[in-house]
N, C-alpha and C. Protein backbone atom coordinates (compact mmCIF):
# COMPACT_ATOMS: atom_id res chain seq x y z
N MET A 1 0.82 -1.19 0.00
CA MET A 1 0.00 0.00 0.00
C MET A 1 0.87 1.26 0.00
N LEU A 2 1.94 1.21 0.76
CA LEU A 2 2.85 2.35 0.82
C LEU A 2 3.50 2.58 -0.54
N LYS A 3 3.78 1.49 -1.25
CA LYS A 3 4.39 1.60 -2.58
C LYS A 3 3.46 2.31 -3.56
N LYS A 4 2.18 2.00 -3.49
CA LYS A 4 1.20 2.64 -4.38
C LYS A 4 1.10 4.13 -4.08
N ALA A 5 1.10 4.48 -2.80
CA ALA A 5 1.03 5.89 -2.43
C ALA A 5 2.29 6.63 -2.91
N TYR A 6 3.44 5.98 -2.80
CA TYR A 6 4.69 6.59 -3.25
C TYR A 6 4.66 6.81 -4.76
N ARG A 7 4.20 5.83 -5.50
CA ARG A 7 4.11 5.96 -6.96
C ARG A 7 3.13 7.06 -7.36
N SER A 8 2.01 7.14 -6.66
CA SER A 8 1.02 8.18 -6.96
C SER A 8 1.59 9.57 -6.71
N ALA A 9 2.31 9.73 -5.61
CA ALA A 9 2.92 11.03 -5.31
C ALA A 9 3.99 11.38 -6.34
N ALA A 10 4.77 10.39 -6.75
CA ALA A 10 5.79 10.63 -7.77
C ALA A 10 5.15 11.01 -9.09
N LEU A 11 4.07 10.36 -9.45
CA LEU A 11 3.36 10.69 -10.69
C LEU A 11 2.78 12.11 -10.61
N SER A 12 2.27 12.49 -9.47
CA SER A 12 1.74 13.84 -9.28
C SER A 12 2.85 14.88 -9.48
N ALA A 13 4.01 14.61 -8.94
CA ALA A 13 5.13 15.54 -9.11
C ALA A 13 5.54 15.63 -10.57
N TRP A 14 5.55 14.51 -11.27
CA TRP A 14 5.89 14.50 -12.69
C TRP A 14 4.88 15.31 -13.50
N VAL A 15 3.60 15.12 -13.20
CA VAL A 15 2.54 15.86 -13.91
C VAL A 15 2.70 17.36 -13.67
N ALA A 16 2.99 17.75 -12.43
CA ALA A 16 3.19 19.17 -12.13
C ALA A 16 4.36 19.73 -12.92
N ASN A 17 5.41 18.96 -13.07
CA ASN A 17 6.57 19.40 -13.84
C ASN A 17 6.21 19.60 -15.31
N VAL A 18 5.52 18.64 -15.90
CA VAL A 18 5.12 18.74 -17.30
C VAL A 18 4.17 19.92 -17.51
N LEU A 19 3.23 20.10 -16.59
CA LEU A 19 2.30 21.22 -16.71
C LEU A 19 3.02 22.56 -16.63
N SER A 20 4.02 22.65 -15.78
CA SER A 20 4.75 23.92 -15.68
C SER A 20 5.48 24.23 -16.98
N ILE A 21 6.01 23.21 -17.63
CA ILE A 21 6.68 23.42 -18.92
C ILE A 21 5.67 23.87 -19.97
N LEU A 22 4.48 23.27 -19.98
CA LEU A 22 3.46 23.66 -20.95
C LEU A 22 2.96 25.08 -20.71
N VAL A 23 2.83 25.47 -19.46
CA VAL A 23 2.39 26.84 -19.15
C VAL A 23 3.44 27.84 -19.58
N LEU A 24 4.70 27.52 -19.38
CA LEU A 24 5.77 28.40 -19.82
C LEU A 24 5.73 28.56 -21.35
N TYR A 25 5.50 27.46 -22.05
CA TYR A 25 5.38 27.50 -23.52
C TYR A 25 4.19 28.36 -23.93
N GLN A 26 3.07 28.22 -23.22
CA GLN A 26 1.89 29.02 -23.52
C GLN A 26 2.18 30.51 -23.31
N SER A 27 2.90 30.83 -22.27
CA SER A 27 3.25 32.22 -22.01
C SER A 27 4.14 32.78 -23.12
N GLN A 28 5.08 31.98 -23.59
CA GLN A 28 5.94 32.42 -24.69
C GLN A 28 5.15 32.60 -25.98
N LEU A 29 4.18 31.74 -26.21
CA LEU A 29 3.32 31.90 -27.39
C LEU A 29 2.50 33.19 -27.30
N ALA A 30 2.01 33.51 -26.13
CA ALA A 30 1.25 34.76 -25.95
C ALA A 30 2.14 35.97 -26.21
N ASP A 31 3.38 35.92 -25.73
CA ASP A 31 4.31 37.02 -26.01
C ASP A 31 4.58 37.16 -27.50
N SER A 32 4.76 36.02 -28.17
CA SER A 32 5.01 36.02 -29.60
C SER A 32 3.81 36.58 -30.37
N LEU A 33 2.61 36.22 -29.92
CA LEU A 33 1.39 36.70 -30.56
C LEU A 33 1.26 38.21 -30.40
N GLN A 34 1.61 38.71 -29.23
CA GLN A 34 1.51 40.14 -28.99
C GLN A 34 2.49 40.91 -29.87
N GLU A 35 3.66 40.34 -30.12
CA GLU A 35 4.64 41.00 -30.98
C GLU A 35 4.17 41.04 -32.43
N ARG A 36 3.49 40.01 -32.88
CA ARG A 36 3.05 39.92 -34.28
C ARG A 36 1.83 40.77 -34.55
N VAL A 37 0.89 40.77 -33.64
CA VAL A 37 -0.36 41.50 -33.83
C VAL A 37 -0.43 42.58 -32.76
N ALA A 38 -0.17 43.80 -33.15
CA ALA A 38 -0.03 44.89 -32.19
C ALA A 38 -1.34 45.22 -31.47
N ASP A 39 -2.50 45.11 -32.15
CA ASP A 39 -3.74 45.50 -31.53
C ASP A 39 -4.44 44.37 -30.78
N THR A 40 -3.80 43.23 -30.62
CA THR A 40 -4.39 42.12 -29.88
C THR A 40 -3.97 42.23 -28.41
N ASP A 41 -4.95 42.17 -27.54
CA ASP A 41 -4.67 42.25 -26.10
C ASP A 41 -4.45 40.82 -25.57
N THR A 42 -3.21 40.52 -25.26
CA THR A 42 -2.88 39.19 -24.74
C THR A 42 -2.68 39.23 -23.23
N GLY A 43 -3.06 40.34 -22.61
CA GLY A 43 -2.90 40.47 -21.16
C GLY A 43 -3.65 39.41 -20.39
N GLU A 44 -4.86 39.07 -20.86
CA GLU A 44 -5.64 38.05 -20.17
C GLU A 44 -4.97 36.68 -20.28
N LEU A 45 -4.44 36.37 -21.47
CA LEU A 45 -3.71 35.10 -21.63
C LEU A 45 -2.51 35.03 -20.70
N GLN A 46 -1.80 36.13 -20.60
CA GLN A 46 -0.63 36.16 -19.73
C GLN A 46 -1.03 36.06 -18.26
N ALA A 47 -2.15 36.67 -17.89
CA ALA A 47 -2.62 36.59 -16.51
C ALA A 47 -3.01 35.15 -16.16
N ILE A 48 -3.67 34.49 -17.10
CA ILE A 48 -4.06 33.09 -16.88
C ILE A 48 -2.82 32.21 -16.76
N ALA A 49 -1.86 32.44 -17.63
CA ALA A 49 -0.62 31.66 -17.58
C ALA A 49 0.11 31.89 -16.25
N GLY A 50 0.11 33.12 -15.76
CA GLY A 50 0.74 33.43 -14.48
C GLY A 50 0.04 32.73 -13.32
N ALA A 51 -1.30 32.76 -13.35
CA ALA A 51 -2.06 32.10 -12.29
C ALA A 51 -1.84 30.59 -12.32
N MET A 52 -1.81 30.03 -13.53
CA MET A 52 -1.56 28.59 -13.65
C MET A 52 -0.16 28.23 -13.16
N THR A 53 0.80 29.08 -13.44
CA THR A 53 2.16 28.83 -12.98
C THR A 53 2.20 28.81 -11.46
N ASP A 54 1.53 29.76 -10.83
CA ASP A 54 1.49 29.79 -9.36
C ASP A 54 0.83 28.55 -8.79
N LEU A 55 -0.31 28.16 -9.38
CA LEU A 55 -1.02 26.97 -8.90
C LEU A 55 -0.19 25.70 -9.08
N ILE A 56 0.47 25.60 -10.21
CA ILE A 56 1.29 24.42 -10.47
C ILE A 56 2.47 24.38 -9.51
N GLY A 57 3.01 25.55 -9.18
CA GLY A 57 4.10 25.60 -8.20
C GLY A 57 3.65 25.10 -6.84
N GLU A 58 2.46 25.52 -6.42
CA GLU A 58 1.91 25.04 -5.14
C GLU A 58 1.66 23.54 -5.19
N PHE A 59 1.14 23.07 -6.32
CA PHE A 59 0.88 21.64 -6.49
C PHE A 59 2.19 20.85 -6.42
N GLY A 60 3.21 21.35 -7.06
CA GLY A 60 4.51 20.69 -7.03
C GLY A 60 5.10 20.63 -5.63
N GLN A 61 4.95 21.72 -4.87
CA GLN A 61 5.44 21.73 -3.50
C GLN A 61 4.68 20.75 -2.64
N ALA A 62 3.36 20.68 -2.83
CA ALA A 62 2.56 19.73 -2.06
C ALA A 62 2.94 18.29 -2.41
N SER A 63 3.20 18.03 -3.68
CA SER A 63 3.63 16.69 -4.09
C SER A 63 4.98 16.34 -3.47
N GLY A 64 5.88 17.32 -3.44
CA GLY A 64 7.18 17.10 -2.82
C GLY A 64 7.07 16.79 -1.35
N ARG A 65 6.22 17.53 -0.64
CA ARG A 65 6.01 17.26 0.79
C ARG A 65 5.42 15.87 1.00
N SER A 66 4.52 15.48 0.11
CA SER A 66 3.92 14.15 0.20
C SER A 66 4.98 13.06 0.02
N LEU A 67 5.86 13.26 -0.95
CA LEU A 67 6.94 12.29 -1.16
C LEU A 67 7.87 12.21 0.04
N VAL A 68 8.18 13.34 0.64
CA VAL A 68 9.04 13.36 1.82
C VAL A 68 8.38 12.59 2.97
N ALA A 69 7.09 12.81 3.17
CA ALA A 69 6.38 12.10 4.24
C ALA A 69 6.35 10.60 3.98
N LEU A 70 6.16 10.21 2.73
CA LEU A 70 6.14 8.79 2.41
C LEU A 70 7.51 8.14 2.61
N VAL A 71 8.56 8.84 2.23
CA VAL A 71 9.91 8.30 2.43
C VAL A 71 10.20 8.16 3.93
N ALA A 72 9.81 9.15 4.72
CA ALA A 72 10.01 9.07 6.16
C ALA A 72 9.22 7.92 6.76
N THR A 73 7.99 7.72 6.28
CA THR A 73 7.17 6.61 6.76
C THR A 73 7.81 5.27 6.42
N ARG A 74 8.31 5.18 5.18
CA ARG A 74 8.96 3.93 4.76
C ARG A 74 10.20 3.65 5.60
N ARG A 75 11.01 4.68 5.87
CA ARG A 75 12.20 4.50 6.71
C ARG A 75 11.82 4.05 8.11
N HIS A 76 10.79 4.69 8.65
CA HIS A 76 10.36 4.31 10.00
C HIS A 76 9.90 2.86 10.03
N LEU A 77 9.18 2.45 8.99
CA LEU A 77 8.72 1.06 8.91
C LEU A 77 9.89 0.10 8.83
N TRP A 78 10.89 0.42 8.02
CA TRP A 78 12.07 -0.44 7.90
C TRP A 78 12.81 -0.55 9.24
N LEU A 79 12.96 0.60 9.89
CA LEU A 79 13.68 0.59 11.16
C LEU A 79 12.92 -0.17 12.24
N THR A 80 11.60 -0.07 12.21
CA THR A 80 10.79 -0.81 13.17
C THR A 80 10.91 -2.31 12.93
N GLN A 81 10.90 -2.71 11.69
CA GLN A 81 11.02 -4.13 11.36
C GLN A 81 12.42 -4.67 11.62
N ALA A 82 13.41 -3.79 11.60
CA ALA A 82 14.80 -4.21 11.82
C ALA A 82 15.12 -4.34 13.30
N LYS A 83 14.17 -4.04 14.15
CA LYS A 83 14.34 -4.13 15.60
C LYS A 83 15.52 -3.28 16.09
N VAL A 84 15.54 -2.05 15.61
CA VAL A 84 16.55 -1.09 16.03
C VAL A 84 16.03 -0.38 17.29
N MET A 85 16.92 -0.07 18.21
CA MET A 85 16.51 0.58 19.46
C MET A 85 16.01 2.00 19.18
N GLU A 86 15.11 2.48 20.04
CA GLU A 86 14.49 3.79 19.85
C GLU A 86 15.50 4.93 19.77
N THR A 87 16.56 4.87 20.53
CA THR A 87 17.56 5.94 20.50
C THR A 87 18.26 5.97 19.15
N GLU A 88 18.50 4.81 18.56
CA GLU A 88 19.14 4.75 17.25
C GLU A 88 18.18 5.18 16.14
N ILE A 89 16.89 4.88 16.30
CA ILE A 89 15.88 5.29 15.31
C ILE A 89 15.83 6.81 15.22
N ALA A 90 15.86 7.48 16.35
CA ALA A 90 15.81 8.95 16.36
C ALA A 90 16.99 9.55 15.61
N VAL A 91 18.15 8.94 15.74
CA VAL A 91 19.33 9.43 15.04
C VAL A 91 19.20 9.20 13.53
N LEU A 92 18.67 8.07 13.13
CA LEU A 92 18.57 7.72 11.72
C LEU A 92 17.47 8.48 10.98
N LEU A 93 16.41 8.85 11.72
CA LEU A 93 15.33 9.60 11.06
C LEU A 93 15.69 11.06 11.04
């Protein structure tokens, strides 16, 4: 079960990374469009791209925290199964 949760969190982080790349590309396309067509207002496109970038950044941070928690849980489980003394567990975690 822990393995599935770890894979899901890793997939979430990967998706956030890909989405951030796509949003950056979208922002560059909006800049290019504004340069080509002077009377087109691309401010709304750029605002949406900025908001999406912020949201994806938060999503990526949350995914990272989730992965850290899962790794810590897995380490604790391994140490518990290895019958390591509590004082040594505190040092290793």
